[in-house]
Amino acid sequence: MSGVWVFNNGVIRLVENPATDTSNARRKVLVHLPTNEVIKSYSSLERKLAALGWERYYDNPDLLQYHKQSSVDLISLPKDFSKFKSVHMYDIVVKNSNVFEVRDM
């Protein structure tokens, strides 16, 4: 038996595949703070990043990458928006403080 033991409201249960169990997981969203807009697509995100000086970097065909000429930072995202996870969101937040925020949905 493999998996993760989850304790919730006095009940313990075994979750065999925790990646697919969403009963206790909250979905994260990336929010553009100046407009309070939830980022729902890469086209929307790209417009926001471009306004901040980020440019598309075409070196890797398997990723969407953005860089700023004024820094050494690079944002790397999966090509498929459905694979855009909180780790990618937090990377954007760290590199654009006070402009983006990750929230629970």
PDB file of N, CA and C in Angstrom:
ATOM      1  N   MET A   1       0.835  -1.171   0.000  1.00  0.00           N
ATOM      2  CA  MET A   1       0.000   0.000   0.000  1.00  0.00           C
ATOM      3  C   MET A   1       0.884   1.240   0.000  1.00  0.00           C
ATOM      4  N   SER A   2       0.696   2.101  -1.001  1.00  0.00           N
ATOM      5  CA  SER A   2       1.457   3.338  -1.032  1.00  0.00           C
ATOM      6  C   SER A   2       0.505   4.506  -1.163  1.00  0.00           C
ATOM      7  N   GLY A   3       0.953   5.643  -0.758  1.00  0.00           N
ATOM      8  CA  GLY A   3       0.133   6.836  -0.821  1.00  0.00           C
ATOM      9  C   GLY A   3       0.455   7.766   0.322  1.00  0.00           C
ATOM     10  N   VAL A   4      -0.483   8.636   0.610  1.00  0.00           N
ATOM     11  CA  VAL A   4      -0.309   9.628   1.664  1.00  0.00           C
ATOM     12  C   VAL A   4      -1.504   9.548   2.601  1.00  0.00           C
ATOM     13  N   TRP A   5      -1.219   9.549   3.902  1.00  0.00           N
ATOM     14  CA  TRP A   5      -2.287   9.571   4.897  1.00  0.00           C
ATOM     15  C   TRP A   5      -2.717  11.011   5.099  1.00  0.00           C
ATOM     16  N   VAL A   6      -4.029  11.278   4.963  1.00  0.00           N
ATOM     17  CA  VAL A   6      -4.583  12.621   5.113  1.00  0.00           C
ATOM     18  C   VAL A   6      -5.488  12.637   6.336  1.00  0.00           C
ATOM     19  N   PHE A   7      -5.256  13.590   7.240  1.00  0.00           N
ATOM     20  CA  PHE A   7      -6.068  13.753   8.443  1.00  0.00           C
ATOM     21  C   PHE A   7      -6.898  15.011   8.276  1.00  0.00           C
ATOM     22  N   ASN A   8      -8.246  14.872   8.297  1.00  0.00           N
ATOM     23  CA  ASN A   8      -9.120  16.009   8.090  1.00  0.00           C
ATOM     24  C   ASN A   8     -10.361  15.867   8.956  1.00  0.00           C
ATOM     25  N   ASN A   9     -10.619  16.847   9.796  1.00  0.00           N
ATOM     26  CA  ASN A   9     -11.801  16.859  10.675  1.00  0.00           C
ATOM     27  C   ASN A   9     -11.925  15.589  11.507  1.00  0.00           C
ATOM     28  N   GLY A  10     -10.834  15.127  12.065  1.00  0.00           N
ATOM     29  CA  GLY A  10     -10.860  13.957  12.930  1.00  0.00           C
ATOM     30  C   GLY A  10     -10.906  12.629  12.208  1.00  0.00           C
ATOM     31  N   VAL A  11     -10.844  12.654  10.892  1.00  0.00           N
ATOM     32  CA  VAL A  11     -10.895  11.418  10.093  1.00  0.00           C
ATOM     33  C   VAL A  11      -9.577  11.269   9.352  1.00  0.00           C
ATOM     34  N   ILE A  12      -9.011  10.077   9.398  1.00  0.00           N
ATOM     35  CA  ILE A  12      -7.778   9.811   8.666  1.00  0.00           C
ATOM     36  C   ILE A  12      -8.095   8.845   7.536  1.00  0.00           C
ATOM     37  N   ARG A  13      -7.526   9.095   6.373  1.00  0.00           N
ATOM     38  CA  ARG A  13      -7.743   8.205   5.227  1.00  0.00           C
ATOM     39  C   ARG A  13      -6.490   8.173   4.371  1.00  0.00           C
ATOM     40  N   LEU A  14      -6.355   7.095   3.622  1.00  0.00           N
ATOM     41  CA  LEU A  14      -5.207   6.919   2.737  1.00  0.00           C
ATOM     42  C   LEU A  14      -5.586   7.411   1.348  1.00  0.00           C
ATOM     43  N   VAL A  15      -4.798   8.337   0.833  1.00  0.00           N
ATOM     44  CA  VAL A  15      -4.978   8.819  -0.536  1.00  0.00           C
ATOM     45  C   VAL A  15      -3.895   8.161  -1.356  1.00  0.00           C
ATOM     46  N   GLU A  16      -4.306   7.264  -2.267  1.00  0.00           N
ATOM     47  CA  GLU A  16      -3.320   6.477  -3.020  1.00  0.00           C
ATOM     48  C   GLU A  16      -2.573   7.294  -4.055  1.00  0.00           C
ATOM     49  N   ASN A  17      -3.232   8.263  -4.674  1.00  0.00           N
ATOM     50  CA  ASN A  17      -2.557   9.121  -5.644  1.00  0.00           C
ATOM     51  C   ASN A  17      -2.867  10.564  -5.268  1.00  0.00           C
ATOM     52  N   PRO A  18      -2.069  11.164  -4.388  1.00  0.00           N
ATOM     53  CA  PRO A  18      -2.385  12.502  -3.895  1.00  0.00           C
ATOM     54  C   PRO A  18      -2.428  13.571  -4.984  1.00  0.00           C
ATOM     55  N   ALA A  19      -1.773  13.346  -6.111  1.00  0.00           N
ATOM     56  CA  ALA A  19      -1.780  14.346  -7.177  1.00  0.00           C
ATOM     57  C   ALA A  19      -3.161  14.507  -7.793  1.00  0.00           C
ATOM     58  N   THR A  20      -3.977  13.458  -7.760  1.00  0.00           N
ATOM     59  CA  THR A  20      -5.302  13.545  -8.358  1.00  0.00           C
ATOM     60  C   THR A  20      -6.393  13.805  -7.339  1.00  0.00           C
ATOM     61  N   ASP A  21      -6.080  13.777  -6.049  1.00  0.00           N
ATOM     62  CA  ASP A  21      -7.073  14.036  -5.009  1.00  0.00           C
ATOM     63  C   ASP A  21      -7.168  15.534  -4.785  1.00  0.00           C
ATOM     64  N   THR A  22      -8.334  16.101  -5.058  1.00  0.00           N
ATOM     65  CA  THR A  22      -8.510  17.542  -4.923  1.00  0.00           C
ATOM     66  C   THR A  22      -9.456  17.900  -3.788  1.00  0.00           C
ATOM     67  N   SER A  23      -9.791  16.957  -2.928  1.00  0.00           N
ATOM     68  CA  SER A  23     -10.745  17.254  -1.860  1.00  0.00           C
ATOM     69  C   SER A  23     -10.232  18.321  -0.906  1.00  0.00           C
ATOM     70  N   ASN A  24      -8.939  18.340  -0.623  1.00  0.00           N
ATOM     71  CA  ASN A  24      -8.375  19.326   0.287  1.00  0.00           C
ATOM     72  C   ASN A  24      -7.511  20.348  -0.430  1.00  0.00           C
ATOM     73  N   ALA A  25      -7.259  20.153  -1.706  1.00  0.00           N
ATOM     74  CA  ALA A  25      -6.368  21.051  -2.445  1.00  0.00           C
ATOM     75  C   ALA A  25      -7.143  22.262  -2.960  1.00  0.00           C
ATOM     76  N   ARG A  26      -6.496  23.395  -2.859  1.00  0.00           N
ATOM     77  CA  ARG A  26      -7.071  24.607  -3.418  1.00  0.00           C
ATOM     78  C   ARG A  26      -6.322  24.938  -4.679  1.00  0.00           C
ATOM     79  N   ARG A  27      -7.053  25.329  -5.694  1.00  0.00           N
ATOM     80  CA  ARG A  27      -6.439  25.719  -6.952  1.00  0.00           C
ATOM     81  C   ARG A  27      -5.838  27.111  -6.787  1.00  0.00           C
ATOM     82  N   LYS A  28      -4.671  27.300  -7.307  1.00  0.00           N
ATOM     83  CA  LYS A  28      -3.980  28.587  -7.259  1.00  0.00           C
ATOM     84  C   LYS A  28      -4.213  29.322  -8.571  1.00  0.00           C
ATOM     85  N   VAL A  29      -4.309  30.634  -8.487  1.00  0.00           N
ATOM     86  CA  VAL A  29      -4.423  31.466  -9.682  1.00  0.00           C
ATOM     87  C   VAL A  29      -3.437  32.621  -9.572  1.00  0.00           C
ATOM     88  N   LEU A  30      -2.994  33.092 -10.717  1.00  0.00           N
ATOM     89  CA  LEU A  30      -2.110  34.243 -10.799  1.00  0.00           C
ATOM     90  C   LEU A  30      -2.971  35.476 -11.065  1.00  0.00           C
ATOM     91  N   VAL A  31      -2.786  36.507 -10.249  1.00  0.00           N
ATOM     92  CA  VAL A  31      -3.593  37.727 -10.365  1.00  0.00           C
ATOM     93  C   VAL A  31      -2.684  38.903 -10.683  1.00  0.00           C
ATOM     94  N   HIS A  32      -3.077  39.678 -11.688  1.00  0.00           N
ATOM     95  CA  HIS A  32      -2.380  40.922 -12.031  1.00  0.00           C
ATOM     96  C   HIS A  32      -2.966  41.998 -11.128  1.00  0.00           C
ATOM     97  N   LEU A  33      -2.182  42.492 -10.177  1.00  0.00           N
ATOM     98  CA  LEU A  33      -2.689  43.379  -9.132  1.00  0.00           C
ATOM     99  C   LEU A  33      -3.220  44.732  -9.625  1.00  0.00           C
ATOM    100  N   PRO A  34      -2.553  45.419 -10.569  1.00  0.00           N
ATOM    101  CA  PRO A  34      -3.087  46.721 -10.987  1.00  0.00           C
ATOM    102  C   PRO A  34      -4.503  46.652 -11.564  1.00  0.00           C
ATOM    103  N   THR A  35      -4.853  45.531 -12.209  1.00  0.00           N
ATOM    104  CA  THR A  35      -6.189  45.395 -12.808  1.00  0.00           C
ATOM    105  C   THR A  35      -7.063  44.397 -12.048  1.00  0.00           C
ATOM    106  N   ASN A  36      -6.479  43.692 -11.076  1.00  0.00           N
ATOM    107  CA  ASN A  36      -7.164  42.637 -10.318  1.00  0.00           C
ATOM    108  C   ASN A  36      -7.694  41.538 -11.253  1.00  0.00           C
ATOM    109  N   GLU A  37      -6.995  41.312 -12.349  1.00  0.00           N
ATOM    110  CA  GLU A  37      -7.392  40.327 -13.354  1.00  0.00           C
ATOM    111  C   GLU A  37      -6.719  38.985 -13.084  1.00  0.00           C
ATOM    112  N   VAL A  38      -7.518  37.920 -13.096  1.00  0.00           N
ATOM    113  CA  VAL A  38      -6.975  36.571 -13.002  1.00  0.00           C
ATOM    114  C   VAL A  38      -6.444  36.199 -14.383  1.00  0.00           C
ATOM    115  N   ILE A  39      -5.195  35.748 -14.424  1.00  0.00           N
ATOM    116  CA  ILE A  39      -4.573  35.365 -15.695  1.00  0.00           C
ATOM    117  C   ILE A  39      -5.125  33.999 -16.103  1.00  0.00           C
ATOM    118  N   LYS A  40      -5.841  33.965 -17.233  1.00  0.00           N
ATOM    119  CA  LYS A  40      -6.488  32.741 -17.690  1.00  0.00           C
ATOM    120  C   LYS A  40      -5.901  32.181 -18.977  1.00  0.00           C
ATOM    121  N   SER A  41      -4.917  32.880 -19.539  1.00  0.00           N
ATOM    122  CA  SER A  41      -4.300  32.405 -20.773  1.00  0.00           C
ATOM    123  C   SER A  41      -2.903  32.994 -20.901  1.00  0.00           C
ATOM    124  N   TYR A  42      -2.099  32.363 -21.741  1.00  0.00           N
ATOM    125  CA  TYR A  42      -0.756  32.888 -21.984  1.00  0.00           C
ATOM    126  C   TYR A  42      -0.799  34.201 -22.758  1.00  0.00           C
ATOM    127  N   SER A  43      -1.786  34.385 -23.616  1.00  0.00           N
ATOM    128  CA  SER A  43      -1.847  35.649 -24.366  1.00  0.00           C
ATOM    129  C   SER A  43      -2.076  36.821 -23.411  1.00  0.00           C
ATOM    130  N   SER A  44      -2.926  36.622 -22.417  1.00  0.00           N
ATOM    131  CA  SER A  44      -3.160  37.651 -21.404  1.00  0.00           C
ATOM    132  C   SER A  44      -1.893  37.901 -20.591  1.00  0.00           C
ATOM    133  N   LEU A  45      -1.235  36.833 -20.171  1.00  0.00           N
ATOM    134  CA  LEU A  45       0.005  36.962 -19.407  1.00  0.00           C
ATOM    135  C   LEU A  45       1.076  37.661 -20.225  1.00  0.00           C
ATOM    136  N   GLU A  46       1.191  37.304 -21.496  1.00  0.00           N
ATOM    137  CA  GLU A  46       2.234  37.900 -22.341  1.00  0.00           C
ATOM    138  C   GLU A  46       2.035  39.408 -22.486  1.00  0.00           C
ATOM    139  N   ARG A  47       0.791  39.860 -22.595  1.00  0.00           N
ATOM    140  CA  ARG A  47       0.526  41.304 -22.682  1.00  0.00           C
ATOM    141  C   ARG A  47       0.973  42.011 -21.404  1.00  0.00           C
ATOM    142  N   LYS A  48       0.683  41.404 -20.261  1.00  0.00           N
ATOM    143  CA  LYS A  48       1.070  42.007 -18.976  1.00  0.00           C
ATOM    144  C   LYS A  48       2.591  42.035 -18.828  1.00  0.00           C
ATOM    145  N   LEU A  49       3.250  40.946 -19.207  1.00  0.00           N
ATOM    146  CA  LEU A  49       4.710  40.891 -19.104  1.00  0.00           C
ATOM    147  C   LEU A  49       5.372  41.876 -20.066  1.00  0.00           C
ATOM    148  N   ALA A  50       4.831  41.989 -21.280  1.00  0.00           N
ATOM    149  CA  ALA A  50       5.394  42.921 -22.268  1.00  0.00           C
ATOM    150  C   ALA A  50       5.320  44.363 -21.758  1.00  0.00           C
ATOM    151  N   ALA A  51       4.236  44.697 -21.082  1.00  0.00           N
ATOM    152  CA  ALA A  51       4.092  46.046 -20.531  1.00  0.00           C
ATOM    153  C   ALA A  51       5.126  46.323 -19.440  1.00  0.00           C
ATOM    154  N   LEU A  52       5.650  45.263 -18.841  1.00  0.00           N
ATOM    155  CA  LEU A  52       6.672  45.398 -17.803  1.00  0.00           C
ATOM    156  C   LEU A  52       8.095  45.302 -18.358  1.00  0.00           C
ATOM    157  N   GLY A  53       8.218  45.162 -19.676  1.00  0.00           N
ATOM    158  CA  GLY A  53       9.541  45.109 -20.296  1.00  0.00           C
ATOM    159  C   GLY A  53      10.062  43.711 -20.580  1.00  0.00           C
ATOM    160  N   TRP A  54       9.258  42.688 -20.351  1.00  0.00           N
ATOM    161  CA  TRP A  54       9.675  41.317 -20.643  1.00  0.00           C
ATOM    162  C   TRP A  54       9.494  41.051 -22.134  1.00  0.00           C
ATOM    163  N   GLU A  55      10.455  40.365 -22.724  1.00  0.00           N
ATOM    164  CA  GLU A  55      10.416  40.016 -24.148  1.00  0.00           C
ATOM    165  C   GLU A  55      10.440  38.508 -24.301  1.00  0.00           C
ATOM    166  N   ARG A  56       9.787  38.041 -25.338  1.00  0.00           N
ATOM    167  CA  ARG A  56       9.753  36.597 -25.599  1.00  0.00           C
ATOM    168  C   ARG A  56      11.135  36.150 -26.054  1.00  0.00           C
ATOM    169  N   TYR A  57      11.577  35.039 -25.528  1.00  0.00           N
ATOM    170  CA  TYR A  57      12.881  34.449 -25.817  1.00  0.00           C
ATOM    171  C   TYR A  57      12.611  33.141 -26.545  1.00  0.00           C
ATOM    172  N   TYR A  58      13.082  32.989 -27.774  1.00  0.00           N
ATOM    173  CA  TYR A  58      12.714  31.854 -28.630  1.00  0.00           C
ATOM    174  C   TYR A  58      13.788  30.782 -28.709  1.00  0.00           C
ATOM    175  N   ASP A  59      14.617  30.645 -27.702  1.00  0.00           N
ATOM    176  CA  ASP A  59      15.726  29.698 -27.750  1.00  0.00           C
ATOM    177  C   ASP A  59      15.290  28.248 -27.575  1.00  0.00           C
ATOM    178  N   ASN A  60      14.227  27.997 -26.800  1.00  0.00           N
ATOM    179  CA  ASN A  60      13.802  26.631 -26.510  1.00  0.00           C
ATOM    180  C   ASN A  60      12.401  26.398 -27.061  1.00  0.00           C
ATOM    181  N   PRO A  61      12.234  25.509 -28.046  1.00  0.00           N
ATOM    182  CA  PRO A  61      10.911  25.293 -28.642  1.00  0.00           C
ATOM    183  C   PRO A  61       9.920  24.576 -27.720  1.00  0.00           C
ATOM    184  N   ASP A  62      10.402  23.976 -26.626  1.00  0.00           N
ATOM    185  CA  ASP A  62       9.525  23.243 -25.716  1.00  0.00           C
ATOM    186  C   ASP A  62       8.963  24.110 -24.587  1.00  0.00           C
ATOM    187  N   LEU A  63       9.438  25.339 -24.476  1.00  0.00           N
ATOM    188  CA  LEU A  63       9.025  26.229 -23.388  1.00  0.00           C
ATOM    189  C   LEU A  63       8.660  27.603 -23.923  1.00  0.00           C
ATOM    190  N   LEU A  64       7.849  28.317 -23.162  1.00  0.00           N
ATOM    191  CA  LEU A  64       7.666  29.742 -23.383  1.00  0.00           C
ATOM    192  C   LEU A  64       8.616  30.422 -22.416  1.00  0.00           C
ATOM    193  N   GLN A  65       9.484  31.268 -22.943  1.00  0.00           N
ATOM    194  CA  GLN A  65      10.463  31.923 -22.082  1.00  0.00           C
ATOM    195  C   GLN A  65      10.441  33.423 -22.330  1.00  0.00           C
ATOM    196  N   TYR A  66      10.642  34.163 -21.238  1.00  0.00           N
ATOM    197  CA  TYR A  66      10.650  35.619 -21.295  1.00  0.00           C
ATOM    198  C   TYR A  66      11.877  36.128 -20.545  1.00  0.00           C
ATOM    199  N   HIS A  67      12.458  37.198 -21.069  1.00  0.00           N
ATOM    200  CA  HIS A  67      13.617  37.801 -20.403  1.00  0.00           C
ATOM    201  C   HIS A  67      13.505  39.315 -20.489  1.00  0.00           C
ATOM    202  N   LYS A  68      14.232  39.965 -19.604  1.00  0.00           N
ATOM    203  CA  LYS A  68      14.340  41.422 -19.606  1.00  0.00           C
ATOM    204  C   LYS A  68      15.768  41.765 -19.974  1.00  0.00           C
ATOM    205  N   GLN A  69      15.938  42.708 -20.854  1.00  0.00           N
ATOM    206  CA  GLN A  69      17.290  43.101 -21.235  1.00  0.00           C
ATOM    207  C   GLN A  69      18.026  43.743 -20.073  1.00  0.00           C
ATOM    208  N   SER A  70      17.278  44.313 -19.134  1.00  0.00           N
ATOM    209  CA  SER A  70      17.908  45.006 -18.007  1.00  0.00           C
ATOM    210  C   SER A  70      18.275  44.068 -16.855  1.00  0.00           C
ATOM    211  N   SER A  71      18.053  42.751 -17.012  1.00  0.00           N
ATOM    212  CA  SER A  71      18.378  41.822 -15.926  1.00  0.00           C
ATOM    213  C   SER A  71      18.799  40.466 -16.490  1.00  0.00           C
ATOM    214  N   VAL A  72      19.230  39.604 -15.614  1.00  0.00           N
ATOM    215  CA  VAL A  72      19.615  38.248 -16.014  1.00  0.00           C
ATOM    216  C   VAL A  72      18.472  37.261 -15.787  1.00  0.00           C
ATOM    217  N   ASP A  73      17.319  37.754 -15.311  1.00  0.00           N
ATOM    218  CA  ASP A  73      16.187  36.883 -15.020  1.00  0.00           C
ATOM    219  C   ASP A  73      15.588  36.286 -16.282  1.00  0.00           C
ATOM    220  N   LEU A  74      15.119  35.055 -16.139  1.00  0.00           N
ATOM    221  CA  LEU A  74      14.445  34.348 -17.221  1.00  0.00           C
ATOM    222  C   LEU A  74      13.232  33.650 -16.629  1.00  0.00           C
ATOM    223  N   ILE A  75      12.082  33.840 -17.244  1.00  0.00           N
ATOM    224  CA  ILE A  75      10.857  33.143 -16.841  1.00  0.00           C
ATOM    225  C   ILE A  75      10.634  32.025 -17.841  1.00  0.00           C
ATOM    226  N   SER A  76      10.543  30.782 -17.358  1.00  0.00           N
ATOM    227  CA  SER A  76      10.318  29.625 -18.219  1.00  0.00           C
ATOM    228  C   SER A  76       8.991  28.982 -17.847  1.00  0.00           C
ATOM    229  N   LEU A  77       8.139  28.804 -18.850  1.00  0.00           N
ATOM    230  CA  LEU A  77       6.801  28.258 -18.638  1.00  0.00           C
ATOM    231  C   LEU A  77       6.556  27.095 -19.582  1.00  0.00           C
ATOM    232  N   PRO A  78       5.728  26.120 -19.175  1.00  0.00           N
ATOM    233  CA  PRO A  78       5.396  25.033 -20.096  1.00  0.00           C
ATOM    234  C   PRO A  78       4.555  25.563 -21.259  1.00  0.00           C
ATOM    235  N   LYS A  79       4.727  24.992 -22.436  1.00  0.00           N
ATOM    236  CA  LYS A  79       3.974  25.447 -23.616  1.00  0.00           C
ATOM    237  C   LYS A  79       2.467  25.333 -23.426  1.00  0.00           C
ATOM    238  N   ASP A  80       2.038  24.297 -22.722  1.00  0.00           N
ATOM    239  CA  ASP A  80       0.620  24.016 -22.511  1.00  0.00           C
ATOM    240  C   ASP A  80       0.146  24.743 -21.249  1.00  0.00           C
ATOM    241  N   PHE A  81      -0.832  25.652 -21.387  1.00  0.00           N
ATOM    242  CA  PHE A  81      -1.305  26.434 -20.249  1.00  0.00           C
ATOM    243  C   PHE A  81      -1.909  25.555 -19.157  1.00  0.00           C
ATOM    244  N   SER A  82      -2.426  24.387 -19.514  1.00  0.00           N
ATOM    245  CA  SER A  82      -2.998  23.491 -18.500  1.00  0.00           C
ATOM    246  C   SER A  82      -1.919  22.944 -17.565  1.00  0.00           C
ATOM    247  N   LYS A  83      -0.650  23.059 -17.942  1.00  0.00           N
ATOM    248  CA  LYS A  83       0.464  22.619 -17.103  1.00  0.00           C
ATOM    249  C   LYS A  83       1.109  23.787 -16.348  1.00  0.00           C
ATOM    250  N   PHE A  84       0.492  24.944 -16.424  1.00  0.00           N
ATOM    251  CA  PHE A  84       0.942  26.148 -15.723  1.00  0.00           C
ATOM    252  C   PHE A  84       0.563  25.986 -14.254  1.00  0.00           C
ATOM    253  N   LYS A  85       1.548  25.741 -13.401  1.00  0.00           N
ATOM    254  CA  LYS A  85       1.318  25.399 -11.996  1.00  0.00           C
ATOM    255  C   LYS A  85       1.788  26.528 -11.080  1.00  0.00           C
ATOM    256  N   SER A  86       1.537  26.342  -9.793  1.00  0.00           N
ATOM    257  CA  SER A  86       1.872  27.389  -8.822  1.00  0.00           C
ATOM    258  C   SER A  86       3.363  27.702  -8.794  1.00  0.00           C
ATOM    259  N   VAL A  87       4.216  26.730  -9.052  1.00  0.00           N
ATOM    260  CA  VAL A  87       5.664  26.998  -9.065  1.00  0.00           C
ATOM    261  C   VAL A  87       6.006  28.031 -10.146  1.00  0.00           C
ATOM    262  N   HIS A  88       5.322  27.979 -11.286  1.00  0.00           N
ATOM    263  CA  HIS A  88       5.541  28.956 -12.357  1.00  0.00           C
ATOM    264  C   HIS A  88       4.981  30.318 -11.946  1.00  0.00           C
ATOM    265  N   MET A  89       3.829  30.284 -11.278  1.00  0.00           N
ATOM    266  CA  MET A  89       3.210  31.532 -10.831  1.00  0.00           C
ATOM    267  C   MET A  89       4.111  32.260  -9.840  1.00  0.00           C
ATOM    268  N   TYR A  90       4.648  31.505  -8.882  1.00  0.00           N
ATOM    269  CA  TYR A  90       5.518  32.132  -7.878  1.00  0.00           C
ATOM    270  C   TYR A  90       6.800  32.661  -8.509  1.00  0.00           C
ATOM    271  N   ASP A  91       7.286  32.015  -9.554  1.00  0.00           N
ATOM    272  CA  ASP A  91       8.462  32.517 -10.264  1.00  0.00           C
ATOM    273  C   ASP A  91       8.165  33.892 -10.858  1.00  0.00           C
ATOM    274  N   ILE A  92       6.978  34.045 -11.433  1.00  0.00           N
ATOM    275  CA  ILE A  92       6.574  35.338 -12.005  1.00  0.00           C
ATOM    276  C   ILE A  92       6.435  36.385 -10.903  1.00  0.00           C
ATOM    277  N   VAL A  93       5.834  35.997  -9.784  1.00  0.00           N
ATOM    278  CA  VAL A  93       5.647  36.931  -8.665  1.00  0.00           C
ATOM    279  C   VAL A  93       6.987  37.417  -8.127  1.00  0.00           C
ATOM    280  N   VAL A  94       7.936  36.503  -7.938  1.00  0.00           N
ATOM    281  CA  VAL A  94       9.244  36.883  -7.394  1.00  0.00           C
ATOM    282  C   VAL A  94       9.962  37.862  -8.325  1.00  0.00           C
ATOM    283  N   LYS A  95       9.817  37.663  -9.612  1.00  0.00           N
ATOM    284  CA  LYS A  95      10.529  38.505 -10.574  1.00  0.00           C
ATOM    285  C   LYS A  95       9.769  39.780 -10.933  1.00  0.00           C
ATOM    286  N   ASN A  96       8.538  39.906 -10.430  1.00  0.00           N
ATOM    287  CA  ASN A  96       7.720  41.092 -10.683  1.00  0.00           C
ATOM    288  C   ASN A  96       6.975  41.475  -9.413  1.00  0.00           C
ATOM    289  N   SER A  97       7.724  41.772  -8.380  1.00  0.00           N
ATOM    290  CA  SER A  97       7.106  42.074  -7.090  1.00  0.00           C
ATOM    291  C   SER A  97       6.167  43.274  -7.215  1.00  0.00           C
ATOM    292  N   ASN A  98       5.100  43.240  -6.473  1.00  0.00           N
ATOM    293  CA  ASN A  98       4.064  44.276  -6.431  1.00  0.00           C
ATOM    294  C   ASN A  98       3.226  44.379  -7.703  1.00  0.00           C
ATOM    295  N   VAL A  99       3.382  43.436  -8.641  1.00  0.00           N
ATOM    296  CA  VAL A  99       2.588  43.474  -9.869  1.00  0.00           C
ATOM    297  C   VAL A  99       1.701  42.240  -9.983  1.00  0.00           C
ATOM    298  N   PHE A 100       2.188  41.102  -9.502  1.00  0.00           N
ATOM    299  CA  PHE A 100       1.422  39.856  -9.551  1.00  0.00           C
ATOM    300  C   PHE A 100       1.314  39.272  -8.156  1.00  0.00           C
ATOM    301  N   GLU A 101       0.303  38.431  -7.980  1.00  0.00           N
ATOM    302  CA  GLU A 101       0.088  37.746  -6.700  1.00  0.00           C
ATOM    303  C   GLU A 101      -0.533  36.383  -6.998  1.00  0.00           C
ATOM    304  N   VAL A 102      -0.189  35.393  -6.187  1.00  0.00           N
ATOM    305  CA  VAL A 102      -0.803  34.063  -6.288  1.00  0.00           C
ATOM    306  C   VAL A 102      -1.866  33.987  -5.208  1.00  0.00           C
ATOM    307  N   ARG A 103      -3.071  33.585  -5.614  1.00  0.00           N
ATOM    308  CA  ARG A 103      -4.191  33.457  -4.662  1.00  0.00           C
ATOM    309  C   ARG A 103      -4.810  32.075  -4.762  1.00  0.00           C
ATOM    310  N   ASP A 104      -5.435  31.660  -3.656  1.00  0.00           N
ATOM    311  CA  ASP A 104      -6.238  30.434  -3.659  1.00  0.00           C
ATOM    312  C   ASP A 104      -7.585  30.744  -4.287  1.00  0.00           C
ATOM    313  N   MET A 105      -8.088  29.789  -5.059  1.00  0.00           N
ATOM    314  CA  MET A 105      -9.431  29.930  -5.636  1.00  0.00           C
ATOM    315  C   MET A 105     -10.402  29.077  -4.880  1.00  0.00           C
TER     316      MET A 105
END
